[in-house]
PDB file of all heavy atoms in Angstrom:
ATOM      1  N   ALA A   1       7.420 -10.189 -58.160  1.00  0.00           N
ATOM      2  CA  ALA A   1       7.460  -9.973 -59.606  1.00  0.00           C
ATOM      3  C   ALA A   1       7.096 -11.300 -60.287  1.00  0.00           C
ATOM      4  O   ALA A   1       7.207 -12.366 -59.666  1.00  0.00           O
ATOM      5  CB  ALA A   1       8.840  -9.496 -60.017  1.00  0.00           C
ATOM      6  N   PRO A   2       6.651 -11.283 -61.556  1.00  0.00           N
ATOM      7  CA  PRO A   2       6.278 -12.558 -62.220  1.00  0.00           C
ATOM      8  C   PRO A   2       7.384 -13.604 -62.131  1.00  0.00           C
ATOM      9  O   PRO A   2       8.579 -13.271 -62.160  1.00  0.00           O
ATOM     10  CB  PRO A   2       6.045 -12.125 -63.675  1.00  0.00           C
ATOM     11  CG  PRO A   2       5.708 -10.665 -63.592  1.00  0.00           C
ATOM     12  CD  PRO A   2       6.462 -10.112 -62.433  1.00  0.00           C
ATOM     13  N   ASP A   3       6.999 -14.876 -62.051  1.00  0.00           N
ATOM     14  CA  ASP A   3       7.961 -15.973 -61.808  1.00  0.00           C
ATOM     15  C   ASP A   3       9.019 -16.107 -62.899  1.00  0.00           C
ATOM     16  O   ASP A   3      10.162 -16.476 -62.621  1.00  0.00           O
ATOM     17  CB  ASP A   3       7.208 -17.315 -61.665  1.00  0.00           C
ATOM     18  CG  ASP A   3       6.356 -17.302 -60.380  1.00  0.00           C
ATOM     19  OD1 ASP A   3       6.780 -16.654 -59.407  1.00  0.00           O
ATOM     20  OD2 ASP A   3       5.273 -17.908 -60.368  1.00  0.00           O
ATOM     21  N   PHE A   4       8.648 -15.835 -64.161  1.00  0.00           N
ATOM     22  CA  PHE A   4       9.653 -16.025 -65.232  1.00  0.00           C
ATOM     23  C   PHE A   4      10.811 -15.021 -65.142  1.00  0.00           C
ATOM     24  O   PHE A   4      11.829 -15.148 -65.830  1.00  0.00           O
ATOM     25  CB  PHE A   4       8.992 -15.949 -66.619  1.00  0.00           C
ATOM     26  CG  PHE A   4       8.539 -14.581 -67.028  1.00  0.00           C
ATOM     27  CD1 PHE A   4       9.417 -13.673 -67.588  1.00  0.00           C
ATOM     28  CD2 PHE A   4       7.221 -14.198 -66.845  1.00  0.00           C
ATOM     29  CE1 PHE A   4       9.003 -12.400 -67.937  1.00  0.00           C
ATOM     30  CE2 PHE A   4       6.793 -12.904 -67.198  1.00  0.00           C
ATOM     31  CZ  PHE A   4       7.702 -12.010 -67.737  1.00  0.00           C
ATOM     32  N   MET A   5      10.633 -14.008 -64.302  1.00  0.00           N
ATOM     33  CA  MET A   5      11.695 -13.004 -64.152  1.00  0.00           C
ATOM     34  C   MET A   5      12.899 -13.538 -63.392  1.00  0.00           C
ATOM     35  O   MET A   5      13.961 -12.954 -63.420  1.00  0.00           O
ATOM     36  CB  MET A   5      11.151 -11.795 -63.389  1.00  0.00           C
ATOM     37  CG  MET A   5      10.089 -11.034 -64.113  1.00  0.00           C
ATOM     38  SD  MET A   5      10.623  -9.785 -65.152  1.00  0.00           S
ATOM     39  CE  MET A   5      11.158  -8.568 -63.943  1.00  0.00           C
ATOM     40  N   LYS A   6      12.701 -14.618 -62.683  1.00  0.00           N
ATOM     41  CA  LYS A   6      13.792 -15.152 -61.867  1.00  0.00           C
ATOM     42  C   LYS A   6      14.986 -15.479 -62.757  1.00  0.00           C
ATOM     43  O   LYS A   6      14.895 -16.279 -63.679  1.00  0.00           O
ATOM     44  CB  LYS A   6      13.322 -16.400 -61.114  1.00  0.00           C
ATOM     45  CG  LYS A   6      14.316 -16.872 -60.080  1.00  0.00           C
ATOM     46  CD  LYS A   6      13.740 -17.547 -58.911  1.00  0.00           C
ATOM     47  CE  LYS A   6      14.798 -17.885 -57.895  1.00  0.00           C
ATOM     48  NZ  LYS A   6      15.312 -16.628 -57.261  1.00  0.00           N
ATOM     49  N   ASP A   7      16.073 -14.818 -62.546  1.00  0.00           N
ATOM     50  CA  ASP A   7      17.330 -15.039 -63.291  1.00  0.00           C
ATOM     51  C   ASP A   7      17.143 -14.928 -64.808  1.00  0.00           C
ATOM     52  O   ASP A   7      17.795 -15.615 -65.577  1.00  0.00           O
ATOM     53  CB  ASP A   7      17.949 -16.423 -62.955  1.00  0.00           C
ATOM     54  CG  ASP A   7      18.078 -16.619 -61.453  1.00  0.00           C
ATOM     55  OD1 ASP A   7      18.455 -15.651 -60.781  1.00  0.00           O
ATOM     56  OD2 ASP A   7      17.798 -17.721 -60.958  1.00  0.00           O
ATOM     57  N   ILE A   8      16.230 -14.084 -65.284  1.00  0.00           N
ATOM     58  CA  ILE A   8      16.014 -13.930 -66.729  1.00  0.00           C
ATOM     59  C   ILE A   8      17.266 -13.348 -67.374  1.00  0.00           C
ATOM     60  O   ILE A   8      17.796 -12.318 -66.939  1.00  0.00           O
ATOM     61  CB  ILE A   8      14.757 -13.071 -67.025  1.00  0.00           C
ATOM     62  CG1 ILE A   8      14.454 -13.034 -68.536  1.00  0.00           C
ATOM     63  CG2 ILE A   8      14.874 -11.660 -66.441  1.00  0.00           C
ATOM     64  CD1 ILE A   8      13.082 -12.434 -68.874  1.00  0.00           C
ATOM     65  N   ALA A   9      17.774 -14.046 -68.360  1.00  0.00           N
ATOM     66  CA  ALA A   9      18.961 -13.636 -69.136  1.00  0.00           C
ATOM     67  C   ALA A   9      20.155 -13.294 -68.249  1.00  0.00           C
ATOM     68  O   ALA A   9      20.988 -12.435 -68.590  1.00  0.00           O
ATOM     69  CB  ALA A   9      18.615 -12.451 -70.042  1.00  0.00           C
ATOM     70  N   GLY A  10      20.228 -13.955 -67.077  1.00  0.00           N
ATOM     71  CA  GLY A  10      21.370 -13.733 -66.177  1.00  0.00           C
ATOM     72  C   GLY A  10      21.337 -12.421 -65.410  1.00  0.00           C
ATOM     73  O   GLY A  10      22.336 -12.015 -64.795  1.00  0.00           O
ATOM     74  N   LEU A  11      20.193 -11.694 -65.460  1.00  0.00           N
ATOM     75  CA  LEU A  11      20.099 -10.440 -64.702  1.00  0.00           C
ATOM     76  C   LEU A  11      19.945 -10.764 -63.217  1.00  0.00           C
ATOM     77  O   LEU A  11      19.350 -11.774 -62.840  1.00  0.00           O
ATOM     78  CB  LEU A  11      18.896  -9.611 -65.178  1.00  0.00           C
ATOM     79  CG  LEU A  11      18.957  -9.070 -66.622  1.00  0.00           C
ATOM     80  CD1 LEU A  11      17.614  -8.443 -66.998  1.00  0.00           C
ATOM     81  CD2 LEU A  11      20.073  -8.049 -66.804  1.00  0.00           C
ATOM     82  N   GLU A  12      20.441  -9.879 -62.378  1.00  0.00           N
ATOM     83  CA  GLU A  12      20.371 -10.118 -60.926  1.00  0.00           C
ATOM     84  C   GLU A  12      18.936  -9.879 -60.417  1.00  0.00           C
ATOM     85  O   GLU A  12      18.341  -8.835 -60.692  1.00  0.00           O
ATOM     86  CB  GLU A  12      21.352  -9.172 -60.206  1.00  0.00           C
ATOM     87  CG  GLU A  12      21.493  -9.473 -58.721  1.00  0.00           C
ATOM     88  CD  GLU A  12      22.332  -8.421 -57.979  1.00  0.00           C
ATOM     89  OE1 GLU A  12      22.955  -7.548 -58.660  1.00  0.00           O
ATOM     90  OE2 GLU A  12      22.345  -8.476 -56.730  1.00  0.00           O
ATOM     91  N   THR A  13      18.410 -10.877 -59.702  1.00  0.00           N
ATOM     92  CA  THR A  13      17.074 -10.733 -59.110  1.00  0.00           C
ATOM     93  C   THR A  13      17.149 -11.033 -57.605  1.00  0.00           C
ATOM     94  O   THR A  13      18.077 -11.669 -57.135  1.00  0.00           O
ATOM     95  CB  THR A  13      16.053 -11.709 -59.752  1.00  0.00           C
ATOM     96  OG1 THR A  13      16.605 -13.048 -59.704  1.00  0.00           O
ATOM     97  CG2 THR A  13      15.736 -11.369 -61.179  1.00  0.00           C
ATOM     98  N   ASN A  14      16.114 -10.559 -56.857  1.00  0.00           N
ATOM     99  CA  ASN A  14      16.063 -10.882 -55.417  1.00  0.00           C
ATOM    100  C   ASN A  14      15.113 -12.053 -55.177  1.00  0.00           C
ATOM    101  O   ASN A  14      14.611 -12.665 -56.115  1.00  0.00           O
ATOM    102  CB  ASN A  14      15.695  -9.629 -54.598  1.00  0.00           C
ATOM    103  CG  ASN A  14      14.279  -9.126 -54.919  1.00  0.00           C
ATOM    104  OD1 ASN A  14      13.534  -9.747 -55.658  1.00  0.00           O
ATOM    105  ND2 ASN A  14      13.894  -7.984 -54.361  1.00  0.00           N
ATOM    106  N   ARG A  15      14.830 -12.329 -53.901  1.00  0.00           N
ATOM    107  CA  ARG A  15      14.038 -13.537 -53.582  1.00  0.00           C
ATOM    108  C   ARG A  15      12.584 -13.449 -54.074  1.00  0.00           C
ATOM    109  O   ARG A  15      11.914 -14.465 -54.221  1.00  0.00           O
ATOM    110  CB  ARG A  15      14.082 -13.865 -52.087  1.00  0.00           C
ATOM    111  CG  ARG A  15      13.586 -12.815 -51.213  1.00  0.00           C
ATOM    112  CD  ARG A  15      13.668 -13.115 -49.743  1.00  0.00           C
ATOM    113  NE  ARG A  15      13.178 -11.964 -49.019  1.00  0.00           N
ATOM    114  CZ  ARG A  15      11.942 -11.631 -48.836  1.00  0.00           C
ATOM    115  NH1 ARG A  15      11.025 -12.394 -49.304  1.00  0.00           N
ATOM    116  NH2 ARG A  15      11.562 -10.563 -48.151  1.00  0.00           N
ATOM    117  N   ILE A  16      12.095 -12.218 -54.341  1.00  0.00           N
ATOM    118  CA  ILE A  16      10.727 -12.112 -54.873  1.00  0.00           C
ATOM    119  C   ILE A  16      10.740 -11.731 -56.373  1.00  0.00           C
ATOM    120  O   ILE A  16       9.834 -11.084 -56.882  1.00  0.00           O
ATOM    121  CB  ILE A  16       9.826 -11.141 -54.034  1.00  0.00           C
ATOM    122  CG1 ILE A  16      10.445  -9.751 -53.896  1.00  0.00           C
ATOM    123  CG2 ILE A  16       9.510 -11.735 -52.683  1.00  0.00           C
ATOM    124  CD1 ILE A  16       9.478  -8.705 -53.298  1.00  0.00           C
ATOM    125  N   ASN A  17      11.815 -12.178 -57.031  1.00  0.00           N
ATOM    126  CA  ASN A  17      11.964 -12.073 -58.499  1.00  0.00           C
ATOM    127  C   ASN A  17      12.108 -10.645 -59.022  1.00  0.00           C
ATOM    128  O   ASN A  17      12.048 -10.438 -60.236  1.00  0.00           O
ATOM    129  CB  ASN A  17      10.795 -12.749 -59.258  1.00  0.00           C
ATOM    130  CG  ASN A  17      10.508 -14.147 -58.775  1.00  0.00           C
ATOM    131  OD1 ASN A  17      11.411 -14.808 -58.313  1.00  0.00           O
ATOM    132  ND2 ASN A  17       9.278 -14.606 -58.854  1.00  0.00           N
ATOM    133  N   GLN A  18      12.268  -9.657 -58.137  1.00  0.00           N
ATOM    134  CA  GLN A  18      12.453  -8.281 -58.639  1.00  0.00           C
ATOM    135  C   GLN A  18      13.843  -8.128 -59.236  1.00  0.00           C
ATOM    136  O   GLN A  18      14.809  -8.720 -58.737  1.00  0.00           O
ATOM    137  CB  GLN A  18      12.279  -7.261 -57.503  1.00  0.00           C
ATOM    138  CG  GLN A  18      10.847  -7.104 -57.009  1.00  0.00           C
ATOM    139  CD  GLN A  18      10.805  -6.197 -55.794  1.00  0.00           C
ATOM    140  OE1 GLN A  18      11.624  -6.333 -54.869  1.00  0.00           O
ATOM    141  NE2 GLN A  18       9.876  -5.274 -55.739  1.00  0.00           N
ATOM    142  N   LEU A  19      13.965  -7.298 -60.278  1.00  0.00           N
ATOM    143  CA  LEU A  19      15.285  -7.012 -60.863  1.00  0.00           C
ATOM    144  C   LEU A  19      16.015  -6.029 -59.953  1.00  0.00           C
ATOM    145  O   LEU A  19      15.472  -4.969 -59.611  1.00  0.00           O
ATOM    146  CB  LEU A  19      15.130  -6.402 -62.260  1.00  0.00           C
ATOM    147  CG  LEU A  19      14.585  -7.362 -63.344  1.00  0.00           C
ATOM    148  CD1 LEU A  19      14.215  -6.570 -64.596  1.00  0.00           C
ATOM    149  CD2 LEU A  19      15.565  -8.449 -63.687  1.00  0.00           C
ATOM    150  N   VAL A  20      17.249  -6.373 -59.597  1.00  0.00           N
ATOM    151  CA  VAL A  20      18.033  -5.474 -58.736  1.00  0.00           C
ATOM    152  C   VAL A  20      18.601  -4.367 -59.627  1.00  0.00           C
ATOM    153  O   VAL A  20      19.249  -4.637 -60.634  1.00  0.00           O
ATOM    154  CB  VAL A  20      19.153  -6.251 -58.017  1.00  0.00           C
ATOM    155  CG1 VAL A  20      19.953  -5.316 -57.123  1.00  0.00           C
ATOM    156  CG2 VAL A  20      18.544  -7.409 -57.188  1.00  0.00           C
ATOM    157  N   VAL A  21      18.322  -3.113 -59.241  1.00  0.00           N
ATOM    158  CA  VAL A  21      18.806  -1.986 -60.064  1.00  0.00           C
ATOM    159  C   VAL A  21      19.730  -1.085 -59.260  1.00  0.00           C
ATOM    160  O   VAL A  21      19.695  -1.051 -58.035  1.00  0.00           O
ATOM    161  CB  VAL A  21      17.630  -1.141 -60.646  1.00  0.00           C
ATOM    162  CG1 VAL A  21      16.809  -1.937 -61.613  1.00  0.00           C
ATOM    163  CG2 VAL A  21      16.754  -0.559 -59.536  1.00  0.00           C
ATOM    164  N   LYS A  22      20.532  -0.347 -60.018  1.00  0.00           N
ATOM    165  CA  LYS A  22      21.395   0.683 -59.407  1.00  0.00           C
ATOM    166  C   LYS A  22      20.528   1.920 -59.151  1.00  0.00           C
ATOM    167  O   LYS A  22      19.423   2.024 -59.696  1.00  0.00           O
ATOM    168  CB  LYS A  22      22.545   1.011 -60.377  1.00  0.00           C
ATOM    169  CG  LYS A  22      23.473  -0.188 -60.610  1.00  0.00           C
ATOM    170  CD  LYS A  22      24.679   0.154 -61.424  1.00  0.00           C
ATOM    171  CE  LYS A  22      24.465   0.367 -62.857  1.00  0.00           C
ATOM    172  NZ  LYS A  22      25.650   0.452 -63.705  1.00  0.00           N
ATOM    173  N   PRO A  23      21.026   2.875 -58.390  1.00  0.00           N
ATOM    174  CA  PRO A  23      20.204   4.077 -58.152  1.00  0.00           C
ATOM    175  C   PRO A  23      19.773   4.807 -59.442  1.00  0.00           C
ATOM    176  O   PRO A  23      18.790   5.552 -59.453  1.00  0.00           O
ATOM    177  CB  PRO A  23      21.110   4.965 -57.299  1.00  0.00           C
ATOM    178  CG  PRO A  23      22.018   3.994 -56.599  1.00  0.00           C
ATOM    179  CD  PRO A  23      22.244   2.892 -57.564  1.00  0.00           C
ATOM    180  N   THR A  24      20.485   4.577 -60.551  1.00  0.00           N
ATOM    181  CA  THR A  24      20.109   5.214 -61.824  1.00  0.00           C
ATOM    182  C   THR A  24      18.951   4.462 -62.498  1.00  0.00           C
ATOM    183  O   THR A  24      18.521   4.825 -63.599  1.00  0.00           O
ATOM    184  CB  THR A  24      21.301   5.223 -62.798  1.00  0.00           C
ATOM    185  OG1 THR A  24      21.787   3.865 -62.909  1.00  0.00           O
ATOM    186  CG2 THR A  24      22.396   6.150 -62.347  1.00  0.00           C
ATOM    187  N   LEU A  25      18.463   3.394 -61.873  1.00  0.00           N
ATOM    188  CA  LEU A  25      17.390   2.509 -62.349  1.00  0.00           C
ATOM    189  C   LEU A  25      17.842   1.552 -63.453  1.00  0.00           C
ATOM    190  O   LEU A  25      17.044   0.845 -64.058  1.00  0.00           O
ATOM    191  CB  LEU A  25      16.141   3.296 -62.817  1.00  0.00           C
ATOM    192  CG  LEU A  25      15.504   4.187 -61.738  1.00  0.00           C
ATOM    193  CD1 LEU A  25      14.357   5.004 -62.329  1.00  0.00           C
ATOM    194  CD2 LEU A  25      14.991   3.347 -60.567  1.00  0.00           C
ATOM    195  N   GLN A  26      19.191   1.516 -63.738  1.00  0.00           N
ATOM    196  CA  GLN A  26      19.721   0.514 -64.662  1.00  0.00           C
ATOM    197  C   GLN A  26      19.953  -0.782 -63.900  1.00  0.00           C
ATOM    198  O   GLN A  26      20.308  -0.757 -62.710  1.00  0.00           O
ATOM    199  CB  GLN A  26      21.059   0.989 -65.281  1.00  0.00           C
ATOM    200  CG  GLN A  26      20.905   2.199 -66.202  1.00  0.00           C
ATOM    201  CD  GLN A  26      22.224   2.891 -66.404  1.00  0.00           C
ATOM    202  OE1 GLN A  26      22.821   3.397 -65.454  1.00  0.00           O
ATOM    203  NE2 GLN A  26      22.723   2.914 -67.631  1.00  0.00           N
ATOM    204  N   THR A  27      19.793  -1.924 -64.573  1.00  0.00           N
ATOM    205  CA  THR A  27      20.054  -3.199 -63.901  1.00  0.00           C
ATOM    206  C   THR A  27      21.549  -3.315 -63.607  1.00  0.00           C
ATOM    207  O   THR A  27      22.381  -2.740 -64.317  1.00  0.00           O
ATOM    208  CB  THR A  27      19.591  -4.401 -64.756  1.00  0.00           C
ATOM    209  OG1 THR A  27      20.219  -4.306 -66.030  1.00  0.00           O
ATOM    210  CG2 THR A  27      18.078  -4.403 -64.927  1.00  0.00           C
ATOM    211  N   THR A  28      21.886  -4.082 -62.583  1.00  0.00           N
ATOM    212  CA  THR A  28      23.287  -4.160 -62.112  1.00  0.00           C
ATOM    213  C   THR A  28      24.203  -4.826 -63.131  1.00  0.00           C
ATOM    214  O   THR A  28      25.397  -4.582 -63.174  1.00  0.00           O
ATOM    215  CB  THR A  28      23.345  -4.962 -60.796  1.00  0.00           C
ATOM    216  OG1 THR A  28      22.588  -6.182 -60.978  1.00  0.00           O
ATOM    217  CG2 THR A  28      22.750  -4.176 -59.639  1.00  0.00           C
ATOM    218  N   VAL A  29      23.644  -5.669 -63.979  1.00  0.00           N
ATOM    219  CA  VAL A  29      24.458  -6.447 -64.929  1.00  0.00           C
ATOM    220  C   VAL A  29      24.535  -5.776 -66.312  1.00  0.00           C
ATOM    221  O   VAL A  29      25.560  -5.826 -66.982  1.00  0.00           O
ATOM    222  CB  VAL A  29      23.865  -7.882 -65.076  1.00  0.00           C
ATOM    223  CG1 VAL A  29      24.640  -8.704 -66.089  1.00  0.00           C
ATOM    224  CG2 VAL A  29      23.794  -8.582 -63.719  1.00  0.00           C
ATOM    225  N   ASP A  30      23.435  -5.131 -66.740  1.00  0.00           N
ATOM    226  CA  ASP A  30      23.348  -4.594 -68.108  1.00  0.00           C
ATOM    227  C   ASP A  30      22.845  -3.156 -68.074  1.00  0.00           C
ATOM    228  O   ASP A  30      21.722  -2.881 -67.656  1.00  0.00           O
ATOM    229  CB  ASP A  30      22.389  -5.469 -68.931  1.00  0.00           C
ATOM    230  CG  ASP A  30      22.480  -5.189 -70.423  1.00  0.00           C
ATOM    231  OD1 ASP A  30      22.754  -4.033 -70.809  1.00  0.00           O
ATOM    232  OD2 ASP A  30      22.282  -6.139 -71.203  1.00  0.00           O
TER     233      ASP A  30
END
């Protein structure tokens, strides 16, 4: 995923900058 996504606004990301989501496709934090 684009580099600026890394830890954007405190959202959980993985090692390749992807946003970690729940099965409902919502982010784990918000």
